[in-house]
Amino acid sequence: MQNYLLYIAIGTMAGLLCGFFGLGGGFVIVPALIFLAGFDQITAQGTSLAIMLPPVGLLAFMEYYKNGNVNIKSGLIICVTLFLAAFVGAKLAHYVSPAVLRKAFGVLLLLISIKMLLGK
């Protein structure tokens, strides 16, 4: 039961941050599954992708769209390319050790954080 409550908390936090900041749930879910639930990097990544399969962002998207804050054309282009590139990335991830993936993920988060803090 404890794990279910943890998963509910992770989902709630990821959903709030996703809707509030527009960031992908993976930036919240992957680290939470690793540090709080004890998953290894590649299992956390796979689980995060499984979570995103259903339309988890549909209601948030509809709210942004209703307020005129969605560019449909660019969203569709990105969606198609993301769909194809995610397949390639998933194939490649299985050739890298979970330890290297975890470090690379940490570096990515750090670089994005620095860029966000320093501005444009």
PDB file of N, CA and C in Angstrom:
ATOM      1  N   MET A   1       0.826  -1.204   0.000  1.00  0.00           N
ATOM      2  CA  MET A   1       0.000   0.000   0.000  1.00  0.00           C
ATOM      3  C   MET A   1       0.863   1.259   0.000  1.00  0.00           C
ATOM      4  N   GLN A   2       1.999   1.188   0.696  1.00  0.00           N
ATOM      5  CA  GLN A   2       2.882   2.349   0.777  1.00  0.00           C
ATOM      6  C   GLN A   2       3.343   2.774  -0.610  1.00  0.00           C
ATOM      7  N   ASN A   3       3.703   1.809  -1.480  1.00  0.00           N
ATOM      8  CA  ASN A   3       4.128   2.155  -2.835  1.00  0.00           C
ATOM      9  C   ASN A   3       3.011   2.825  -3.612  1.00  0.00           C
ATOM     10  N   TYR A   4       1.760   2.377  -3.410  1.00  0.00           N
ATOM     11  CA  TYR A   4       0.645   2.994  -4.125  1.00  0.00           C
ATOM     12  C   TYR A   4       0.500   4.461  -3.742  1.00  0.00           C
ATOM     13  N   LEU A   5       0.658   4.749  -2.477  1.00  0.00           N
ATOM     14  CA  LEU A   5       0.582   6.144  -2.028  1.00  0.00           C
ATOM     15  C   LEU A   5       1.732   6.961  -2.599  1.00  0.00           C
ATOM     16  N   LEU A   6       2.914   6.367  -2.665  1.00  0.00           N
ATOM     17  CA  LEU A   6       4.059   7.047  -3.264  1.00  0.00           C
ATOM     18  C   LEU A   6       3.799   7.333  -4.729  1.00  0.00           C
ATOM     19  N   TYR A   7       3.258   6.346  -5.455  1.00  0.00           N
ATOM     20  CA  TYR A   7       2.967   6.531  -6.877  1.00  0.00           C
ATOM     21  C   TYR A   7       1.889   7.591  -7.082  1.00  0.00           C
ATOM     22  N   ILE A   8       0.905   7.635  -6.200  1.00  0.00           N
ATOM     23  CA  ILE A   8      -0.132   8.664  -6.270  1.00  0.00           C
ATOM     24  C   ILE A   8       0.494  10.039  -6.054  1.00  0.00           C
ATOM     25  N   ALA A   9       1.403  10.137  -5.091  1.00  0.00           N
ATOM     26  CA  ALA A   9       2.072  11.415  -4.810  1.00  0.00           C
ATOM     27  C   ALA A   9       2.938  11.847  -5.999  1.00  0.00           C
ATOM     28  N   ILE A  10       3.669  10.913  -6.585  1.00  0.00           N
ATOM     29  CA  ILE A  10       4.509  11.235  -7.741  1.00  0.00           C
ATOM     30  C   ILE A  10       3.633  11.696  -8.906  1.00  0.00           C
ATOM     31  N   GLY A  11       2.545  10.978  -9.175  1.00  0.00           N
ATOM     32  CA  GLY A  11       1.646  11.359 -10.260  1.00  0.00           C
ATOM     33  C   GLY A  11       1.011  12.716 -10.043  1.00  0.00           C
ATOM     34  N   THR A  12       0.615  12.976  -8.805  1.00  0.00           N
ATOM     35  CA  THR A  12       0.004  14.264  -8.491  1.00  0.00           C
ATOM     36  C   THR A  12       1.000  15.403  -8.687  1.00  0.00           C
ATOM     37  N   MET A  13       2.211  15.235  -8.170  1.00  0.00           N
ATOM     38  CA  MET A  13       3.228  16.273  -8.310  1.00  0.00           C
ATOM     39  C   MET A  13       3.588  16.486  -9.775  1.00  0.00           C
ATOM     40  N   ALA A  14       3.774  15.405 -10.518  1.00  0.00           N
ATOM     41  CA  ALA A  14       4.119  15.522 -11.939  1.00  0.00           C
ATOM     42  C   ALA A  14       2.997  16.215 -12.708  1.00  0.00           C
ATOM     43  N   GLY A  15       1.758  15.860 -12.403  1.00  0.00           N
ATOM     44  CA  GLY A  15       0.630  16.482 -13.086  1.00  0.00           C
ATOM     45  C   GLY A  15       0.531  17.966 -12.798  1.00  0.00           C
ATOM     46  N   LEU A  16       0.706  18.342 -11.539  1.00  0.00           N
ATOM     47  CA  LEU A  16       0.653  19.763 -11.186  1.00  0.00           C
ATOM     48  C   LEU A  16       1.774  20.549 -11.866  1.00  0.00           C
ATOM     49  N   LEU A  17       2.987  20.001 -11.818  1.00  0.00           N
ATOM     50  CA  LEU A  17       4.115  20.693 -12.439  1.00  0.00           C
ATOM     51  C   LEU A  17       3.989  20.729 -13.959  1.00  0.00           C
ATOM     52  N   CYS A  18       3.468  19.657 -14.541  1.00  0.00           N
ATOM     53  CA  CYS A  18       3.260  19.606 -15.982  1.00  0.00           C
ATOM     54  C   CYS A  18       2.258  20.668 -16.408  1.00  0.00           C
ATOM     55  N   GLY A  19       1.147  20.739 -15.712  1.00  0.00           N
ATOM     56  CA  GLY A  19       0.134  21.724 -16.044  1.00  0.00           C
ATOM     57  C   GLY A  19       0.578  23.144 -15.748  1.00  0.00           C
ATOM     58  N   PHE A  20       1.316  23.322 -14.670  1.00  0.00           N
ATOM     59  CA  PHE A  20       1.727  24.672 -14.253  1.00  0.00           C
ATOM     60  C   PHE A  20       2.873  25.210 -15.092  1.00  0.00           C
ATOM     61  N   PHE A  21       3.909  24.380 -15.298  1.00  0.00           N
ATOM     62  CA  PHE A  21       5.099  24.831 -16.016  1.00  0.00           C
ATOM     63  C   PHE A  21       5.156  24.354 -17.458  1.00  0.00           C
ATOM     64  N   GLY A  22       4.315  23.398 -17.825  1.00  0.00           N
ATOM     65  CA  GLY A  22       4.347  22.863 -19.174  1.00  0.00           C
ATOM     66  C   GLY A  22       5.522  21.943 -19.430  1.00  0.00           C
ATOM     67  N   LEU A  23       6.130  21.451 -18.374  1.00  0.00           N
ATOM     68  CA  LEU A  23       7.273  20.563 -18.579  1.00  0.00           C
ATOM     69  C   LEU A  23       6.826  19.125 -18.646  1.00  0.00           C
ATOM     70  N   GLY A  24       7.600  18.347 -19.350  1.00  0.00           N
ATOM     71  CA  GLY A  24       7.271  16.932 -19.485  1.00  0.00           C
ATOM     72  C   GLY A  24       7.348  16.235 -18.142  1.00  0.00           C
ATOM     73  N   GLY A  25       6.430  15.336 -17.934  1.00  0.00           N
ATOM     74  CA  GLY A  25       6.385  14.603 -16.677  1.00  0.00           C
ATOM     75  C   GLY A  25       7.659  13.848 -16.376  1.00  0.00           C
ATOM     76  N   GLY A  26       8.416  13.498 -17.408  1.00  0.00           N
ATOM     77  CA  GLY A  26       9.651  12.750 -17.214  1.00  0.00           C
ATOM     78  C   GLY A  26      10.668  13.477 -16.356  1.00  0.00           C
ATOM     79  N   PHE A  27      10.651  14.805 -16.386  1.00  0.00           N
ATOM     80  CA  PHE A  27      11.600  15.565 -15.578  1.00  0.00           C
ATOM     81  C   PHE A  27      11.293  15.441 -14.094  1.00  0.00           C
ATOM     82  N   VAL A  28      10.066  15.093 -13.789  1.00  0.00           N
ATOM     83  CA  VAL A  28       9.667  14.880 -12.405  1.00  0.00           C
ATOM     84  C   VAL A  28       9.597  13.379 -12.104  1.00  0.00           C
ATOM     85  N   ILE A  29       8.967  12.642 -13.002  1.00  0.00           N
ATOM     86  CA  ILE A  29       8.691  11.229 -12.758  1.00  0.00           C
ATOM     87  C   ILE A  29       9.966  10.393 -12.712  1.00  0.00           C
ATOM     88  N   VAL A  30      10.863  10.595 -13.670  1.00  0.00           N
ATOM     89  CA  VAL A  30      12.078   9.768 -13.714  1.00  0.00           C
ATOM     90  C   VAL A  30      12.902   9.920 -12.434  1.00  0.00           C
ATOM     91  N   PRO A  31      13.252  11.151 -12.011  1.00  0.00           N
ATOM     92  CA  PRO A  31      14.006  11.256 -10.757  1.00  0.00           C
ATOM     93  C   PRO A  31      13.231  10.726  -9.547  1.00  0.00           C
ATOM     94  N   ALA A  32      11.922  10.949  -9.513  1.00  0.00           N
ATOM     95  CA  ALA A  32      11.140  10.469  -8.377  1.00  0.00           C
ATOM     96  C   ALA A  32      11.140   8.946  -8.317  1.00  0.00           C
ATOM     97  N   LEU A  33      10.994   8.295  -9.462  1.00  0.00           N
ATOM     98  CA  LEU A  33      11.013   6.833  -9.465  1.00  0.00           C
ATOM     99  C   LEU A  33      12.383   6.288  -9.049  1.00  0.00           C
ATOM    100  N   ILE A  34      13.444   6.985  -9.406  1.00  0.00           N
ATOM    101  CA  ILE A  34      14.793   6.550  -9.033  1.00  0.00           C
ATOM    102  C   ILE A  34      15.041   6.770  -7.541  1.00  0.00           C
ATOM    103  N   PHE A  35      14.820   7.994  -7.082  1.00  0.00           N
ATOM    104  CA  PHE A  35      15.206   8.343  -5.718  1.00  0.00           C
ATOM    105  C   PHE A  35      14.177   7.954  -4.655  1.00  0.00           C
ATOM    106  N   LEU A  36      12.917   7.923  -5.014  1.00  0.00           N
ATOM    107  CA  LEU A  36      11.887   7.608  -4.025  1.00  0.00           C
ATOM    108  C   LEU A  36      11.395   6.169  -4.103  1.00  0.00           C
ATOM    109  N   ALA A  37      11.334   5.622  -5.323  1.00  0.00           N
ATOM    110  CA  ALA A  37      10.788   4.274  -5.479  1.00  0.00           C
ATOM    111  C   ALA A  37      11.857   3.220  -5.727  1.00  0.00           C
ATOM    112  N   GLY A  38      13.119   3.636  -5.879  1.00  0.00           N
ATOM    113  CA  GLY A  38      14.215   2.684  -6.022  1.00  0.00           C
ATOM    114  C   GLY A  38      14.352   2.046  -7.395  1.00  0.00           C
ATOM    115  N   PHE A  39      13.764   2.653  -8.436  1.00  0.00           N
ATOM    116  CA  PHE A  39      13.892   2.114  -9.784  1.00  0.00           C
ATOM    117  C   PHE A  39      15.297   2.388 -10.308  1.00  0.00           C
ATOM    118  N   ASP A  40      15.770   1.560 -11.238  1.00  0.00           N
ATOM    119  CA  ASP A  40      17.008   1.913 -11.937  1.00  0.00           C
ATOM    120  C   ASP A  40      16.642   2.874 -13.068  1.00  0.00           C
ATOM    121  N   GLN A  41      17.647   3.506 -13.672  1.00  0.00           N
ATOM    122  CA  GLN A  41      17.423   4.558 -14.659  1.00  0.00           C
ATOM    123  C   GLN A  41      16.554   4.083 -15.824  1.00  0.00           C
ATOM    124  N   ILE A  42      16.908   2.963 -16.411  1.00  0.00           N
ATOM    125  CA  ILE A  42      16.193   2.544 -17.618  1.00  0.00           C
ATOM    126  C   ILE A  42      14.763   2.108 -17.320  1.00  0.00           C
ATOM    127  N   THR A  43      14.519   1.502 -16.153  1.00  0.00           N
ATOM    128  CA  THR A  43      13.153   1.138 -15.769  1.00  0.00           C
ATOM    129  C   THR A  43      12.336   2.392 -15.472  1.00  0.00           C
ATOM    130  N   ALA A  44      12.951   3.386 -14.859  1.00  0.00           N
ATOM    131  CA  ALA A  44      12.259   4.657 -14.605  1.00  0.00           C
ATOM    132  C   ALA A  44      11.879   5.323 -15.922  1.00  0.00           C
ATOM    133  N   GLN A  45      12.780   5.305 -16.889  1.00  0.00           N
ATOM    134  CA  GLN A  45      12.505   5.908 -18.194  1.00  0.00           C
ATOM    135  C   GLN A  45      11.362   5.169 -18.894  1.00  0.00           C
ATOM    136  N   GLY A  46      11.414   3.847 -18.900  1.00  0.00           N
ATOM    137  CA  GLY A  46      10.365   3.066 -19.537  1.00  0.00           C
ATOM    138  C   GLY A  46       9.017   3.262 -18.872  1.00  0.00           C
ATOM    139  N   THR A  47       9.012   3.320 -17.545  1.00  0.00           N
ATOM    140  CA  THR A  47       7.771   3.532 -16.806  1.00  0.00           C
ATOM    141  C   THR A  47       7.214   4.924 -17.086  1.00  0.00           C
ATOM    142  N   SER A  48       8.086   5.923 -17.150  1.00  0.00           N
ATOM    143  CA  SER A  48       7.658   7.281 -17.464  1.00  0.00           C
ATOM    144  C   SER A  48       7.004   7.338 -18.841  1.00  0.00           C
ATOM    145  N   LEU A  49       7.577   6.643 -19.804  1.00  0.00           N
ATOM    146  CA  LEU A  49       6.985   6.613 -21.149  1.00  0.00           C
ATOM    147  C   LEU A  49       5.627   5.923 -21.134  1.00  0.00           C
ATOM    148  N   ALA A  50       5.500   4.855 -20.354  1.00  0.00           N
ATOM    149  CA  ALA A  50       4.212   4.162 -20.255  1.00  0.00           C
ATOM    150  C   ALA A  50       3.139   5.079 -19.678  1.00  0.00           C
ATOM    151  N   ILE A  51       3.535   5.923 -18.755  1.00  0.00           N
ATOM    152  CA  ILE A  51       2.605   6.860 -18.128  1.00  0.00           C
ATOM    153  C   ILE A  51       2.112   7.888 -19.148  1.00  0.00           C
ATOM    154  N   MET A  52       2.991   8.289 -20.054  1.00  0.00           N
ATOM    155  CA  MET A  52       2.635   9.329 -21.015  1.00  0.00           C
ATOM    156  C   MET A  52       1.808   8.809 -22.189  1.00  0.00           C
ATOM    157  N   LEU A  53       1.676   7.493 -22.348  1.00  0.00           N
ATOM    158  CA  LEU A  53       0.924   6.953 -23.472  1.00  0.00           C
ATOM    159  C   LEU A  53      -0.527   7.411 -23.506  1.00  0.00           C
ATOM    160  N   PRO A  54      -1.262   7.301 -22.408  1.00  0.00           N
ATOM    161  CA  PRO A  54      -2.630   7.829 -22.478  1.00  0.00           C
ATOM    162  C   PRO A  54      -2.576   9.361 -22.538  1.00  0.00           C
ATOM    163  N   PRO A  55      -3.651   9.967 -22.883  1.00  0.00           N
ATOM    164  CA  PRO A  55      -3.627  11.433 -23.027  1.00  0.00           C
ATOM    165  C   PRO A  55      -3.611  12.152 -21.674  1.00  0.00           C
ATOM    166  N   VAL A  56      -2.515  11.999 -20.938  1.00  0.00           N
ATOM    167  CA  VAL A  56      -2.429  12.584 -19.595  1.00  0.00           C
ATOM    168  C   VAL A  56      -2.500  14.100 -19.606  1.00  0.00           C
ATOM    169  N   GLY A  57      -2.091  14.712 -20.706  1.00  0.00           N
ATOM    170  CA  GLY A  57      -2.104  16.172 -20.767  1.00  0.00           C
ATOM    171  C   GLY A  57      -3.319  16.750 -21.461  1.00  0.00           C
ATOM    172  N   LEU A  58      -4.305  15.925 -21.783  1.00  0.00           N
ATOM    173  CA  LEU A  58      -5.436  16.388 -22.578  1.00  0.00           C
ATOM    174  C   LEU A  58      -6.193  17.543 -21.924  1.00  0.00           C
ATOM    175  N   LEU A  59      -6.527  17.424 -20.659  1.00  0.00           N
ATOM    176  CA  LEU A  59      -7.275  18.495 -19.999  1.00  0.00           C
ATOM    177  C   LEU A  59      -6.449  19.771 -19.881  1.00  0.00           C
ATOM    178  N   ALA A  60      -5.165  19.630 -19.575  1.00  0.00           N
ATOM    179  CA  ALA A  60      -4.303  20.820 -19.495  1.00  0.00           C
ATOM    180  C   ALA A  60      -4.180  21.464 -20.876  1.00  0.00           C
ATOM    181  N   PHE A  61      -3.998  20.637 -21.919  1.00  0.00           N
ATOM    182  CA  PHE A  61      -3.924  21.151 -23.284  1.00  0.00           C
ATOM    183  C   PHE A  61      -5.194  21.928 -23.637  1.00  0.00           C
ATOM    184  N   MET A  62      -6.360  21.361 -23.303  1.00  0.00           N
ATOM    185  CA  MET A  62      -7.626  22.018 -23.635  1.00  0.00           C
ATOM    186  C   MET A  62      -7.741  23.382 -22.963  1.00  0.00           C
ATOM    187  N   GLU A  63      -7.237  23.495 -21.742  1.00  0.00           N
ATOM    188  CA  GLU A  63      -7.276  24.776 -21.031  1.00  0.00           C
ATOM    189  C   GLU A  63      -6.368  25.804 -21.710  1.00  0.00           C
ATOM    190  N   TYR A  64      -5.154  25.373 -22.090  1.00  0.00           N
ATOM    191  CA  TYR A  64      -4.246  26.281 -22.793  1.00  0.00           C
ATOM    192  C   TYR A  64      -4.834  26.665 -24.150  1.00  0.00           C
ATOM    193  N   TYR A  65      -5.409  25.703 -24.860  1.00  0.00           N
ATOM    194  CA  TYR A  65      -6.003  25.959 -26.178  1.00  0.00           C
ATOM    195  C   TYR A  65      -7.165  26.935 -26.068  1.00  0.00           C
ATOM    196  N   LYS A  66      -8.017  26.724 -25.076  1.00  0.00           N
ATOM    197  CA  LYS A  66      -9.176  27.586 -24.852  1.00  0.00           C
ATOM    198  C   LYS A  66      -8.748  29.044 -24.660  1.00  0.00           C
ATOM    199  N   ASN A  67      -7.586  29.250 -24.085  1.00  0.00           N
ATOM    200  CA  ASN A  67      -7.086  30.603 -23.824  1.00  0.00           C
ATOM    201  C   ASN A  67      -6.167  31.114 -24.932  1.00  0.00           C
ATOM    202  N   GLY A  68      -6.125  30.389 -26.065  1.00  0.00           N
ATOM    203  CA  GLY A  68      -5.342  30.850 -27.214  1.00  0.00           C
ATOM    204  C   GLY A  68      -3.844  30.685 -27.062  1.00  0.00           C
ATOM    205  N   ASN A  69      -3.418  29.736 -26.232  1.00  0.00           N
ATOM    206  CA  ASN A  69      -1.990  29.568 -25.961  1.00  0.00           C
ATOM    207  C   ASN A  69      -1.423  28.270 -26.506  1.00  0.00           C
ATOM    208  N   VAL A  70      -1.885  27.855 -27.686  1.00  0.00           N
ATOM    209  CA  VAL A  70      -1.370  26.648 -28.322  1.00  0.00           C
ATOM    210  C   VAL A  70      -1.159  26.937 -29.801  1.00  0.00           C
ATOM    211  N   ASN A  71       0.004  26.572 -30.311  1.00  0.00           N
ATOM    212  CA  ASN A  71       0.282  26.661 -31.740  1.00  0.00           C
ATOM    213  C   ASN A  71       0.121  25.254 -32.306  1.00  0.00           C
ATOM    214  N   ILE A  72      -1.033  25.001 -32.896  1.00  0.00           N
ATOM    215  CA  ILE A  72      -1.382  23.659 -33.363  1.00  0.00           C
ATOM    216  C   ILE A  72      -0.396  23.151 -34.414  1.00  0.00           C
ATOM    217  N   LYS A  73      -0.046  23.988 -35.398  1.00  0.00           N
ATOM    218  CA  LYS A  73       0.832  23.539 -36.483  1.00  0.00           C
ATOM    219  C   LYS A  73       2.178  23.059 -35.942  1.00  0.00           C
ATOM    220  N   SER A  74       2.825  23.880 -35.117  1.00  0.00           N
ATOM    221  CA  SER A  74       4.114  23.448 -34.579  1.00  0.00           C
ATOM    222  C   SER A  74       3.955  22.259 -33.651  1.00  0.00           C
ATOM    223  N   GLY A  75       2.858  22.219 -32.899  1.00  0.00           N
ATOM    224  CA  GLY A  75       2.619  21.086 -32.012  1.00  0.00           C
ATOM    225  C   GLY A  75       2.502  19.776 -32.772  1.00  0.00           C
ATOM    226  N   LEU A  76       1.792  19.785 -33.903  1.00  0.00           N
ATOM    227  CA  LEU A  76       1.649  18.572 -34.708  1.00  0.00           C
ATOM    228  C   LEU A  76       2.982  18.124 -35.312  1.00  0.00           C
ATOM    229  N   ILE A  77       3.758  19.087 -35.803  1.00  0.00           N
ATOM    230  CA  ILE A  77       5.073  18.755 -36.379  1.00  0.00           C
ATOM    231  C   ILE A  77       5.973  18.143 -35.312  1.00  0.00           C
ATOM    232  N   ILE A  78       6.007  18.769 -34.155  1.00  0.00           N
ATOM    233  CA  ILE A  78       6.835  18.260 -33.059  1.00  0.00           C
ATOM    234  C   ILE A  78       6.327  16.888 -32.616  1.00  0.00           C
ATOM    235  N   CYS A  79       5.012  16.709 -32.560  1.00  0.00           N
ATOM    236  CA  CYS A  79       4.431  15.436 -32.134  1.00  0.00           C
ATOM    237  C   CYS A  79       4.884  14.295 -33.044  1.00  0.00           C
ATOM    238  N   VAL A  80       4.829  14.496 -34.347  1.00  0.00           N
ATOM    239  CA  VAL A  80       5.215  13.449 -35.294  1.00  0.00           C
ATOM    240  C   VAL A  80       6.702  13.143 -35.180  1.00  0.00           C
ATOM    241  N   THR A  81       7.531  14.191 -35.136  1.00  0.00           N
ATOM    242  CA  THR A  81       8.973  13.947 -35.043  1.00  0.00           C
ATOM    243  C   THR A  81       9.355  13.348 -33.691  1.00  0.00           C
ATOM    244  N   LEU A  82       8.674  13.780 -32.624  1.00  0.00           N
ATOM    245  CA  LEU A  82       8.923  13.196 -31.305  1.00  0.00           C
ATOM    246  C   LEU A  82       8.564  11.713 -31.311  1.00  0.00           C
ATOM    247  N   PHE A  83       7.457  11.365 -31.931  1.00  0.00           N
ATOM    248  CA  PHE A  83       7.000   9.980 -32.031  1.00  0.00           C
ATOM    249  C   PHE A  83       8.083   9.106 -32.666  1.00  0.00           C
ATOM    250  N   LEU A  84       8.640   9.564 -33.769  1.00  0.00           N
ATOM    251  CA  LEU A  84       9.659   8.790 -34.484  1.00  0.00           C
ATOM    252  C   LEU A  84      10.995   8.781 -33.743  1.00  0.00           C
ATOM    253  N   ALA A  85      11.415   9.951 -33.251  1.00  0.00           N
ATOM    254  CA  ALA A  85      12.706  10.046 -32.574  1.00  0.00           C
ATOM    255  C   ALA A  85      12.698   9.301 -31.237  1.00  0.00           C
ATOM    256  N   ALA A  86      11.560   9.268 -30.537  1.00  0.00           N
ATOM    257  CA  ALA A  86      11.477   8.541 -29.269  1.00  0.00           C
ATOM    258  C   ALA A  86      11.706   7.051 -29.491  1.00  0.00           C
ATOM    259  N   PHE A  87      11.228   6.539 -30.610  1.00  0.00           N
ATOM    260  CA  PHE A  87      11.451   5.131 -30.948  1.00  0.00           C
ATOM    261  C   PHE A  87      12.945   4.861 -31.112  1.00  0.00           C
ATOM    262  N   VAL A  88      13.630   5.743 -31.849  1.00  0.00           N
ATOM    263  CA  VAL A  88      15.076   5.591 -32.062  1.00  0.00           C
ATOM    264  C   VAL A  88      15.813   5.724 -30.733  1.00  0.00           C
ATOM    265  N   GLY A  89      15.437   6.725 -29.925  1.00  0.00           N
ATOM    266  CA  GLY A  89      16.076   6.922 -28.630  1.00  0.00           C
ATOM    267  C   GLY A  89      15.901   5.730 -27.705  1.00  0.00           C
ATOM    268  N   ALA A  90      14.714   5.129 -27.724  1.00  0.00           N
ATOM    269  CA  ALA A  90      14.458   3.954 -26.883  1.00  0.00           C
ATOM    270  C   ALA A  90      15.317   2.775 -27.326  1.00  0.00           C
ATOM    271  N   LYS A  91      15.472   2.615 -28.626  1.00  0.00           N
ATOM    272  CA  LYS A  91      16.343   1.545 -29.139  1.00  0.00           C
ATOM    273  C   LYS A  91      17.779   1.768 -28.668  1.00  0.00           C
ATOM    274  N   LEU A  92      18.267   3.010 -28.807  1.00  0.00           N
ATOM    275  CA  LEU A  92      19.654   3.327 -28.435  1.00  0.00           C
ATOM    276  C   LEU A  92      19.892   3.204 -26.932  1.00  0.00           C
ATOM    277  N   ALA A  93      18.890   3.541 -26.116  1.00  0.00           N
ATOM    278  CA  ALA A  93      19.048   3.518 -24.651  1.00  0.00           C
ATOM    279  C   ALA A  93      19.414   2.136 -24.133  1.00  0.00           C
ATOM    280  N   HIS A  94      19.009   1.108 -24.836  1.00  0.00           N
ATOM    281  CA  HIS A  94      19.296  -0.252 -24.377  1.00  0.00           C
ATOM    282  C   HIS A  94      20.728  -0.692 -24.662  1.00  0.00           C
ATOM    283  N   TYR A  95      21.489   0.152 -25.334  1.00  0.00           N
ATOM    284  CA  TYR A  95      22.899  -0.129 -25.586  1.00  0.00           C
ATOM    285  C   TYR A  95      23.815   0.622 -24.623  1.00  0.00           C
ATOM    286  N   VAL A  96      23.217   1.384 -23.710  1.00  0.00           N
ATOM    287  CA  VAL A  96      23.977   2.187 -22.747  1.00  0.00           C
ATOM    288  C   VAL A  96      23.659   1.664 -21.349  1.00  0.00           C
ATOM    289  N   SER A  97      24.655   1.630 -20.481  1.00  0.00           N
ATOM    290  CA  SER A  97      24.423   1.127 -19.123  1.00  0.00           C
ATOM    291  C   SER A  97      23.510   2.084 -18.347  1.00  0.00           C
ATOM    292  N   PRO A  98      22.707   1.540 -17.422  1.00  0.00           N
ATOM    293  CA  PRO A  98      21.842   2.394 -16.607  1.00  0.00           C
ATOM    294  C   PRO A  98      22.622   3.467 -15.845  1.00  0.00           C
ATOM    295  N   ALA A  99      23.836   3.159 -15.412  1.00  0.00           N
ATOM    296  CA  ALA A  99      24.642   4.150 -14.683  1.00  0.00           C
ATOM    297  C   ALA A  99      25.004   5.330 -15.579  1.00  0.00           C
ATOM    298  N   VAL A 100      25.373   5.055 -16.817  1.00  0.00           N
ATOM    299  CA  VAL A 100      25.709   6.133 -17.754  1.00  0.00           C
ATOM    300  C   VAL A 100      24.456   6.927 -18.107  1.00  0.00           C
ATOM    301  N   LEU A 101      23.323   6.247 -18.301  1.00  0.00           N
ATOM    302  CA  LEU A 101      22.067   6.945 -18.588  1.00  0.00           C
ATOM    303  C   LEU A 101      21.693   7.882 -17.445  1.00  0.00           C
ATOM    304  N   ARG A 102      21.866   7.397 -16.224  1.00  0.00           N
ATOM    305  CA  ARG A 102      21.510   8.216 -15.059  1.00  0.00           C
ATOM    306  C   ARG A 102      22.378   9.478 -15.000  1.00  0.00           C
ATOM    307  N   LYS A 103      23.665   9.320 -15.236  1.00  0.00           N
ATOM    308  CA  LYS A 103      24.559  10.478 -15.215  1.00  0.00           C
ATOM    309  C   LYS A 103      24.232  11.442 -16.354  1.00  0.00           C
ATOM    310  N   ALA A 104      23.949  10.907 -17.535  1.00  0.00           N
ATOM    311  CA  ALA A 104      23.609  11.760 -18.675  1.00  0.00           C
ATOM    312  C   ALA A 104      22.309  12.524 -18.405  1.00  0.00           C
ATOM    313  N   PHE A 105      21.338  11.861 -17.784  1.00  0.00           N
ATOM    314  CA  PHE A 105      20.084  12.512 -17.435  1.00  0.00           C
ATOM    315  C   PHE A 105      20.338  13.649 -16.445  1.00  0.00           C
ATOM    316  N   GLY A 106      21.198  13.399 -15.463  1.00  0.00           N
ATOM    317  CA  GLY A 106      21.552  14.432 -14.486  1.00  0.00           C
ATOM    318  C   GLY A 106      22.233  15.626 -15.135  1.00  0.00           C
ATOM    319  N   VAL A 107      23.137  15.364 -16.068  1.00  0.00           N
ATOM    320  CA  VAL A 107      23.812  16.454 -16.783  1.00  0.00           C
ATOM    321  C   VAL A 107      22.794  17.258 -17.589  1.00  0.00           C
ATOM    322  N   LEU A 108      21.876  16.573 -18.257  1.00  0.00           N
ATOM    323  CA  LEU A 108      20.841  17.265 -19.025  1.00  0.00           C
ATOM    324  C   LEU A 108      20.016  18.178 -18.127  1.00  0.00           C
ATOM    325  N   LEU A 109      19.581  17.667 -16.982  1.00  0.00           N
ATOM    326  CA  LEU A 109      18.813  18.488 -16.048  1.00  0.00           C
ATOM    327  C   LEU A 109      19.628  19.689 -15.558  1.00  0.00           C
ATOM    328  N   LEU A 110      20.897  19.451 -15.287  1.00  0.00           N
ATOM    329  CA  LEU A 110      21.766  20.534 -14.822  1.00  0.00           C
ATOM    330  C   LEU A 110      21.921  21.614 -15.888  1.00  0.00           C
ATOM    331  N   LEU A 111      22.172  21.210 -17.128  1.00  0.00           N
ATOM    332  CA  LEU A 111      22.338  22.180 -18.211  1.00  0.00           C
ATOM    333  C   LEU A 111      21.061  22.986 -18.442  1.00  0.00           C
ATOM    334  N   ILE A 112      19.927  22.310 -18.406  1.00  0.00           N
ATOM    335  CA  ILE A 112      18.657  23.021 -18.576  1.00  0.00           C
ATOM    336  C   ILE A 112      18.438  23.990 -17.414  1.00  0.00           C
ATOM    337  N   SER A 113      18.770  23.562 -16.213  1.00  0.00           N
ATOM    338  CA  SER A 113      18.626  24.436 -15.039  1.00  0.00           C
ATOM    339  C   SER A 113      19.485  25.677 -15.154  1.00  0.00           C
ATOM    340  N   ILE A 114      20.731  25.495 -15.545  1.00  0.00           N
ATOM    341  CA  ILE A 114      21.642  26.637 -15.684  1.00  0.00           C
ATOM    342  C   ILE A 114      21.117  27.607 -16.741  1.00  0.00           C
ATOM    343  N   LYS A 115      20.678  27.064 -17.877  1.00  0.00           N
ATOM    344  CA  LYS A 115      20.137  27.908 -18.941  1.00  0.00           C
ATOM    345  C   LYS A 115      18.924  28.683 -18.455  1.00  0.00           C
ATOM    346  N   MET A 116      18.041  28.031 -17.709  1.00  0.00           N
ATOM    347  CA  MET A 116      16.843  28.695 -17.194  1.00  0.00           C
ATOM    348  C   MET A 116      17.202  29.782 -16.185  1.00  0.00           C
ATOM    349  N   LEU A 117      18.193  29.512 -15.343  1.00  0.00           N
ATOM    350  CA  LEU A 117      18.587  30.490 -14.324  1.00  0.00           C
ATOM    351  C   LEU A 117      19.305  31.689 -14.925  1.00  0.00           C
ATOM    352  N   LEU A 118      20.097  31.477 -15.964  1.00  0.00           N
ATOM    353  CA  LEU A 118      20.871  32.554 -16.561  1.00  0.00           C
ATOM    354  C   LEU A 118      20.085  33.357 -17.601  1.00  0.00           C
ATOM    355  N   GLY A 119      18.926  32.893 -17.958  1.00  0.00           N
ATOM    356  CA  GLY A 119      18.093  33.602 -18.921  1.00  0.00           C
ATOM    357  C   GLY A 119      18.380  33.191 -20.343  1.00  0.00           C
ATOM    358  N   LYS A 120      17.984  34.032 -21.257  1.00  0.00           N
ATOM    359  CA  LYS A 120      18.118  33.712 -22.682  1.00  0.00           C
ATOM    360  C   LYS A 120      19.551  33.706 -23.049  1.00  0.00           C
TER     361      LYS A 120
END
